[in-house]
Amino acid sequence: MSGRKPTRAEQDYRTNRVARLLSNGAVRSEVVQYATKEWGVSVRTADAYLAAAREVLKADFDIDRRSYTAELLSQLASLQKEARKGNQPHVALGCINTAARIAQLLN
């Protein structure tokens, strides 16, 4: 990649890759090391990818509280069904308890 400017698709891929690294717990130094090694970019460019990735992550969670609650409850309901099918009643009960806490039915 040396010497040429990445395409928009490459920039988007890199931004999303950095967002994934951050989601998995990577810190700035790890991201910078990855970007400089894998893509041959400068520290400054790696920092630009970090900033763009943080915006992507913020946008992912910039939803209203009611919508997010509904998504979580839906996911828990699906997990509960799978746990029951798999004869894992303790996991199903965990899903029920977590859903009740999210819905603020339990303390």
N, C-alpha and C. Protein backbone atom coordinates (compact mmCIF):
# COMPACT_ATOMS: atom_id res chain seq x y z
N MET A 1 0.82 -1.20 0.00
CA MET A 1 0.00 0.00 0.00
C MET A 1 0.85 1.25 0.00
N SER A 2 2.14 1.11 0.05
CA SER A 2 3.00 2.27 0.23
C SER A 2 2.88 3.26 -0.92
N GLY A 3 2.82 4.53 -0.55
CA GLY A 3 2.85 5.60 -1.53
C GLY A 3 1.53 5.98 -2.15
N ARG A 4 0.53 5.17 -2.04
CA ARG A 4 -0.74 5.56 -2.66
C ARG A 4 -1.81 5.75 -1.60
N LYS A 5 -2.73 6.61 -1.93
CA LYS A 5 -3.82 6.90 -1.01
C LYS A 5 -4.85 5.76 -1.08
N PRO A 6 -5.31 5.29 0.07
CA PRO A 6 -6.30 4.20 0.05
C PRO A 6 -7.64 4.68 -0.52
N THR A 7 -8.35 3.74 -1.13
CA THR A 7 -9.67 4.06 -1.65
C THR A 7 -10.64 4.28 -0.49
N ARG A 8 -11.79 4.79 -0.80
CA ARG A 8 -12.82 5.00 0.24
C ARG A 8 -13.20 3.66 0.88
N ALA A 9 -13.31 2.63 0.05
CA ALA A 9 -13.64 1.30 0.57
C ALA A 9 -12.56 0.80 1.52
N GLU A 10 -11.29 1.04 1.18
CA GLU A 10 -10.19 0.64 2.06
C GLU A 10 -10.22 1.42 3.37
N GLN A 11 -10.50 2.71 3.29
CA GLN A 11 -10.60 3.53 4.50
C GLN A 11 -11.74 3.03 5.39
N ASP A 12 -12.86 2.73 4.79
CA ASP A 12 -14.00 2.21 5.56
C ASP A 12 -13.66 0.88 6.20
N TYR A 13 -13.00 0.00 5.45
CA TYR A 13 -12.59 -1.29 5.99
C TYR A 13 -11.67 -1.08 7.19
N ARG A 14 -10.70 -0.20 7.04
CA ARG A 14 -9.74 0.05 8.12
C ARG A 14 -10.43 0.64 9.35
N THR A 15 -11.33 1.57 9.12
CA THR A 15 -12.07 2.17 10.23
C THR A 15 -12.87 1.10 10.97
N ASN A 16 -13.55 0.26 10.23
CA ASN A 16 -14.35 -0.81 10.85
C ASN A 16 -13.46 -1.85 11.53
N ARG A 17 -12.30 -2.10 10.97
CA ARG A 17 -11.36 -3.04 11.61
C ARG A 17 -10.87 -2.47 12.94
N VAL A 18 -10.56 -1.19 12.96
CA VAL A 18 -10.13 -0.54 14.20
C VAL A 18 -11.27 -0.54 15.22
N ALA A 19 -12.49 -0.29 14.76
CA ALA A 19 -13.65 -0.34 15.66
C ALA A 19 -13.78 -1.72 16.28
N ARG A 20 -13.56 -2.76 15.48
CA ARG A 20 -13.62 -4.13 15.99
C ARG A 20 -12.52 -4.37 17.02
N LEU A 21 -11.32 -3.86 16.74
CA LEU A 21 -10.23 -4.00 17.71
C LEU A 21 -10.59 -3.33 19.03
N LEU A 22 -11.14 -2.12 18.96
CA LEU A 22 -11.55 -1.41 20.17
C LEU A 22 -12.63 -2.18 20.91
N SER A 23 -13.57 -2.73 20.18
CA SER A 23 -14.66 -3.50 20.79
C SER A 23 -14.14 -4.73 21.53
N ASN A 24 -13.00 -5.23 21.07
CA ASN A 24 -12.41 -6.40 21.69
C ASN A 24 -11.38 -6.03 22.76
N GLY A 25 -11.34 -4.76 23.13
CA GLY A 25 -10.51 -4.33 24.25
C GLY A 25 -9.13 -3.79 23.90
N ALA A 26 -8.84 -3.60 22.64
CA ALA A 26 -7.53 -3.06 22.27
C ALA A 26 -7.39 -1.63 22.76
N VAL A 27 -6.17 -1.26 23.11
CA VAL A 27 -5.86 0.11 23.52
C VAL A 27 -5.13 0.81 22.37
N ARG A 28 -4.97 2.11 22.50
CA ARG A 28 -4.41 2.92 21.43
C ARG A 28 -3.09 2.35 20.92
N SER A 29 -2.18 2.02 21.82
CA SER A 29 -0.86 1.53 21.39
C SER A 29 -0.98 0.26 20.55
N GLU A 30 -1.91 -0.61 20.89
CA GLU A 30 -2.11 -1.84 20.11
C GLU A 30 -2.66 -1.53 18.73
N VAL A 31 -3.59 -0.60 18.68
CA VAL A 31 -4.19 -0.22 17.39
C VAL A 31 -3.13 0.44 16.51
N VAL A 32 -2.35 1.34 17.08
CA VAL A 32 -1.30 2.01 16.32
C VAL A 32 -0.30 0.99 15.79
N GLN A 33 0.11 0.06 16.63
CA GLN A 33 1.05 -0.97 16.21
C GLN A 33 0.45 -1.81 15.07
N TYR A 34 -0.81 -2.19 15.21
CA TYR A 34 -1.48 -2.98 14.17
C TYR A 34 -1.53 -2.20 12.85
N ALA A 35 -1.98 -0.96 12.93
CA ALA A 35 -2.15 -0.16 11.71
C ALA A 35 -0.83 0.12 11.01
N THR A 36 0.20 0.42 11.77
CA THR A 36 1.49 0.70 11.14
C THR A 36 2.09 -0.56 10.52
N LYS A 37 1.89 -1.70 11.18
CA LYS A 37 2.44 -2.95 10.66
C LYS A 37 1.63 -3.47 9.47
N GLU A 38 0.30 -3.52 9.63
CA GLU A 38 -0.56 -4.11 8.59
C GLU A 38 -0.75 -3.22 7.37
N TRP A 39 -0.86 -1.93 7.61
CA TRP A 39 -1.20 -1.03 6.51
C TRP A 39 -0.07 -0.07 6.14
N GLY A 40 1.00 -0.08 6.92
CA GLY A 40 2.13 0.79 6.62
C GLY A 40 1.82 2.27 6.75
N VAL A 41 0.93 2.62 7.67
CA VAL A 41 0.55 4.01 7.84
C VAL A 41 1.32 4.64 9.00
N SER A 42 1.28 5.95 9.07
CA SER A 42 1.95 6.67 10.15
C SER A 42 1.11 6.62 11.41
N VAL A 43 1.72 6.99 12.52
CA VAL A 43 1.00 7.07 13.79
C VAL A 43 -0.15 8.06 13.68
N ARG A 44 0.10 9.16 13.00
CA ARG A 44 -0.94 10.18 12.82
C ARG A 44 -2.15 9.61 12.05
N THR A 45 -1.88 8.83 11.02
CA THR A 45 -2.97 8.22 10.26
C THR A 45 -3.69 7.18 11.10
N ALA A 46 -2.94 6.42 11.88
CA ALA A 46 -3.56 5.45 12.78
C ALA A 46 -4.48 6.16 13.77
N ASP A 47 -4.05 7.30 14.28
CA ASP A 47 -4.89 8.08 15.19
C ASP A 47 -6.16 8.58 14.49
N ALA A 48 -6.05 8.89 13.21
CA ALA A 48 -7.24 9.31 12.44
C ALA A 48 -8.21 8.14 12.31
N TYR A 49 -7.69 6.95 12.08
CA TYR A 49 -8.56 5.77 12.03
C TYR A 49 -9.21 5.52 13.39
N LEU A 50 -8.45 5.73 14.46
CA LEU A 50 -9.01 5.58 15.80
C LEU A 50 -10.16 6.55 16.02
N ALA A 51 -9.98 7.80 15.64
CA ALA A 51 -11.04 8.80 15.82
C ALA A 51 -12.28 8.42 15.03
N ALA A 52 -12.07 7.99 13.78
CA ALA A 52 -13.21 7.58 12.95
C ALA A 52 -13.90 6.35 13.54
N ALA A 53 -13.11 5.41 14.05
CA ALA A 53 -13.68 4.19 14.63
C ALA A 53 -14.50 4.52 15.88
N ARG A 54 -14.03 5.46 16.68
CA ARG A 54 -14.79 5.85 17.87
C ARG A 54 -16.12 6.48 17.49
N GLU A 55 -16.15 7.20 16.39
CA GLU A 55 -17.41 7.78 15.90
C GLU A 55 -18.37 6.67 15.46
N VAL A 56 -17.83 5.64 14.81
CA VAL A 56 -18.65 4.49 14.40
C VAL A 56 -19.26 3.83 15.63
N LEU A 57 -18.44 3.62 16.65
CA LEU A 57 -18.93 2.98 17.87
C LEU A 57 -19.97 3.84 18.57
N LYS A 58 -19.75 5.15 18.60
CA LYS A 58 -20.75 6.04 19.20
C LYS A 58 -22.06 5.96 18.45
N ALA A 59 -22.00 5.93 17.13
CA ALA A 59 -23.22 5.87 16.31
C ALA A 59 -23.97 4.55 16.54
N ASP A 60 -23.21 3.47 16.77
CA ASP A 60 -23.84 2.18 17.02
C ASP A 60 -24.73 2.22 18.27
N PHE A 61 -24.36 3.03 19.23
CA PHE A 61 -25.10 3.06 20.49
C PHE A 61 -25.85 4.37 20.71
N ASP A 62 -25.97 5.15 19.67
CA ASP A 62 -26.72 6.39 19.76
C ASP A 62 -28.19 6.12 19.42
N ILE A 63 -28.82 5.32 20.27
CA ILE A 63 -30.22 4.98 20.09
C ILE A 63 -30.96 5.34 21.36
N ASP A 64 -32.24 5.49 21.24
CA ASP A 64 -32.96 5.87 22.46
C ASP A 64 -33.06 4.66 23.40
N ARG A 65 -33.23 4.97 24.64
CA ARG A 65 -33.23 3.97 25.71
C ARG A 65 -34.31 2.90 25.53
N ARG A 66 -35.48 3.31 25.08
CA ARG A 66 -36.58 2.35 24.91
C ARG A 66 -36.26 1.35 23.80
N SER A 67 -35.69 1.84 22.71
CA SER A 67 -35.33 0.94 21.61
C SER A 67 -34.26 -0.04 22.05
N TYR A 68 -33.27 0.45 22.76
CA TYR A 68 -32.19 -0.42 23.22
C TYR A 68 -32.72 -1.46 24.21
N THR A 69 -33.60 -1.04 25.10
CA THR A 69 -34.21 -1.97 26.04
C THR A 69 -34.97 -3.07 25.30
N ALA A 70 -35.72 -2.68 24.29
CA ALA A 70 -36.47 -3.66 23.51
C ALA A 70 -35.54 -4.65 22.81
N GLU A 71 -34.43 -4.16 22.26
CA GLU A 71 -33.47 -5.05 21.61
C GLU A 71 -32.88 -6.05 22.61
N LEU A 72 -32.50 -5.55 23.77
CA LEU A 72 -31.93 -6.43 24.79
C LEU A 72 -32.93 -7.49 25.24
N LEU A 73 -34.16 -7.07 25.47
CA LEU A 73 -35.19 -8.02 25.90
C LEU A 73 -35.45 -9.08 24.82
N SER A 74 -35.43 -8.65 23.57
CA SER A 74 -35.62 -9.59 22.46
C SER A 74 -34.47 -10.60 22.40
N GLN A 75 -33.25 -10.13 22.57
CA GLN A 75 -32.10 -11.02 22.56
C GLN A 75 -32.17 -12.01 23.72
N LEU A 76 -32.56 -11.53 24.88
CA LEU A 76 -32.68 -12.42 26.04
C LEU A 76 -33.77 -13.47 25.83
N ALA A 77 -34.87 -13.08 25.20
CA ALA A 77 -35.93 -14.04 24.92
C ALA A 77 -35.43 -15.14 23.98
N SER A 78 -34.65 -14.75 22.98
CA SER A 78 -34.09 -15.74 22.05
C SER A 78 -33.11 -16.67 22.78
N LEU A 79 -32.26 -16.09 23.61
CA LEU A 79 -31.32 -16.91 24.37
C LEU A 79 -32.05 -17.87 25.32
N GLN A 80 -33.10 -17.38 25.92
CA GLN A 80 -33.87 -18.22 26.83
C GLN A 80 -34.45 -19.43 26.08
N LYS A 81 -35.00 -19.19 24.88
CA LYS A 81 -35.56 -20.29 24.08
C LYS A 81 -34.49 -21.33 23.75
N GLU A 82 -33.32 -20.84 23.33
CA GLU A 82 -32.23 -21.75 22.99
C GLU A 82 -31.77 -22.53 24.22
N ALA A 83 -31.73 -21.87 25.36
CA ALA A 83 -31.32 -22.55 26.60
C ALA A 83 -32.30 -23.64 26.97
N ARG A 84 -33.59 -23.37 26.81
CA ARG A 84 -34.60 -24.38 27.12
C ARG A 84 -34.49 -25.57 26.17
N LYS A 85 -34.29 -25.27 24.87
CA LYS A 85 -34.12 -26.35 23.89
C LYS A 85 -32.90 -27.20 24.22
N GLY A 86 -31.86 -26.56 24.70
CA GLY A 86 -30.62 -27.26 25.03
C GLY A 86 -30.61 -27.84 26.43
N ASN A 87 -31.76 -27.87 27.08
CA ASN A 87 -31.89 -28.41 28.43
C ASN A 87 -30.89 -27.75 29.39
N GLN A 88 -30.87 -26.41 29.35
CA GLN A 88 -30.02 -25.63 30.25
C GLN A 88 -30.91 -24.68 31.05
N PRO A 89 -31.66 -25.22 31.98
CA PRO A 89 -32.60 -24.39 32.72
C PRO A 89 -31.93 -23.26 33.52
N HIS A 90 -30.70 -23.48 33.98
CA HIS A 90 -30.00 -22.44 34.73
C HIS A 90 -29.70 -21.23 33.84
N VAL A 91 -29.38 -21.48 32.58
CA VAL A 91 -29.14 -20.38 31.64
C VAL A 91 -30.46 -19.66 31.34
N ALA A 92 -31.53 -20.43 31.14
CA ALA A 92 -32.85 -19.84 30.89
C ALA A 92 -33.27 -18.96 32.06
N LEU A 93 -33.04 -19.45 33.28
CA LEU A 93 -33.39 -18.67 34.47
C LEU A 93 -32.56 -17.39 34.55
N GLY A 94 -31.30 -17.48 34.17
CA GLY A 94 -30.45 -16.28 34.13
C GLY A 94 -30.99 -15.25 33.16
N CYS A 95 -31.47 -15.71 32.01
CA CYS A 95 -32.07 -14.81 31.02
C CYS A 95 -33.32 -14.15 31.57
N ILE A 96 -34.15 -14.94 32.25
CA ILE A 96 -35.38 -14.42 32.84
C ILE A 96 -35.05 -13.36 33.89
N ASN A 97 -34.10 -13.65 34.76
CA ASN A 97 -33.73 -12.70 35.80
C ASN A 97 -33.14 -11.42 35.22
N THR A 98 -32.30 -11.56 34.22
CA THR A 98 -31.71 -10.39 33.58
C THR A 98 -32.78 -9.55 32.89
N ALA A 99 -33.70 -10.20 32.20
CA ALA A 99 -34.79 -9.48 31.54
C ALA A 99 -35.63 -8.72 32.58
N ALA A 100 -35.90 -9.36 33.70
CA ALA A 100 -36.69 -8.71 34.75
C ALA A 100 -35.96 -7.49 35.30
N ARG A 101 -34.65 -7.59 35.46
CA ARG A 101 -33.88 -6.43 35.93
C ARG A 101 -33.89 -5.30 34.91
N ILE A 102 -33.72 -5.66 33.65
CA ILE A 102 -33.75 -4.63 32.59
C ILE A 102 -35.11 -3.94 32.56
N ALA A 103 -36.16 -4.74 32.70
CA ALA A 103 -37.52 -4.18 32.69
C ALA A 103 -37.86 -3.52 34.03
N GLN A 104 -36.92 -3.57 34.96
CA GLN A 104 -37.05 -2.97 36.29
C GLN A 104 -38.20 -3.57 37.08
N LEU A 105 -38.35 -4.89 36.94
CA LEU A 105 -39.33 -5.61 37.71
C LEU A 105 -38.72 -6.13 39.00
N LEU A 106 -37.37 -6.29 39.01
CA LEU A 106 -36.64 -6.74 40.19
C LEU A 106 -35.59 -5.70 40.54
N ASN A 107 -35.17 -5.71 41.78
CA ASN A 107 -34.07 -4.82 42.20
C ASN A 107 -32.73 -5.46 41.98
